[in-house]
């Protein structure tokens, strides 16, 4: 698997994990877990975009 695809897969996985943590934090009333989930979700989006950029530049 090339690096752009790897970044996209890892980013998507982080997004999903972050979303689960975020929603779980909301459901149980744990703002710390919710914040960590939001942060992880955003990091996943960034990593996925890095994969898109690498694909455009052929790296």
Protein backbone atom coordinates (compact mmCIF):
# COMPACT_ATOMS: atom_id res chain seq x y z
CA UNK A 1 0.00 0.00 0.00
CA UNK A 2 1.43 3.42 -0.87
CA UNK A 3 1.85 6.11 1.75
CA UNK A 4 -1.10 8.21 0.59
CA UNK A 5 -3.46 5.26 0.92
CA UNK A 6 -1.99 4.37 4.31
CA UNK A 7 -2.53 7.92 5.56
CA UNK A 8 -6.11 7.90 4.33
CA UNK A 9 -6.87 4.56 6.00
CA UNK A 10 -5.25 5.56 9.29
CA UNK A 11 -7.01 8.92 9.19
CA UNK A 12 -10.39 7.33 8.63
CA UNK A 13 -9.78 4.89 11.49
CA UNK A 14 -8.87 7.77 13.82
CA UNK A 15 -11.97 9.68 12.74
CA UNK A 16 -14.22 6.73 13.54
CA UNK A 17 -12.55 6.08 16.89
CA UNK A 18 -12.75 9.77 17.75
CA UNK A 19 -16.43 9.93 16.85
CA UNK A 20 -17.17 6.93 19.08
CA UNK A 21 -15.29 8.49 22.00
CA UNK A 22 -17.00 11.83 21.42
CA UNK A 23 -20.49 10.31 21.38
CA UNK A 24 -19.72 8.07 24.37
CA UNK A 25 -18.48 11.10 26.32
CA UNK A 26 -21.71 12.94 25.51
CA UNK A 27 -23.84 9.94 26.49
CA UNK A 28 -22.17 9.35 29.86
CA UNK A 29 -21.64 13.03 30.66
CA UNK A 30 -17.85 12.86 30.53
CA UNK A 31 -16.58 16.11 28.94
CA UNK A 32 -12.96 14.92 29.08
CA UNK A 33 -13.75 11.84 26.96
CA UNK A 34 -15.85 13.96 24.63
CA UNK A 35 -12.97 16.43 24.15
CA UNK A 36 -10.45 13.65 23.52
CA UNK A 37 -12.80 12.17 20.96
CA UNK A 38 -13.22 15.49 19.20
CA UNK A 39 -9.46 15.97 19.11
CA UNK A 40 -8.87 12.48 17.74
CA UNK A 41 -11.59 12.95 15.12
CA UNK A 42 -9.98 16.18 13.91
CA UNK A 43 -6.53 14.56 13.83
CA UNK A 44 -7.99 11.81 11.69
CA UNK A 45 -9.44 14.32 9.24
CA UNK A 46 -6.06 16.04 8.98
CA UNK A 47 -4.25 12.74 8.38
CA UNK A 48 -6.78 11.78 5.71
CA UNK A 49 -6.21 15.14 3.98
CA UNK A 50 -2.44 14.56 4.12
CA UNK A 51 -3.07 11.35 2.19
CA UNK A 52 -5.06 13.31 -0.39
CA UNK A 53 -2.24 15.83 -0.81
CA UNK A 54 0.37 13.08 -1.14
CA UNK A 55 -1.74 11.47 -3.83
CA UNK A 56 -1.89 14.74 -5.79
CA UNK A 57 1.87 15.21 -5.60
CA UNK A 58 2.60 11.55 -6.23
CA UNK A 59 4.49 10.84 -3.02
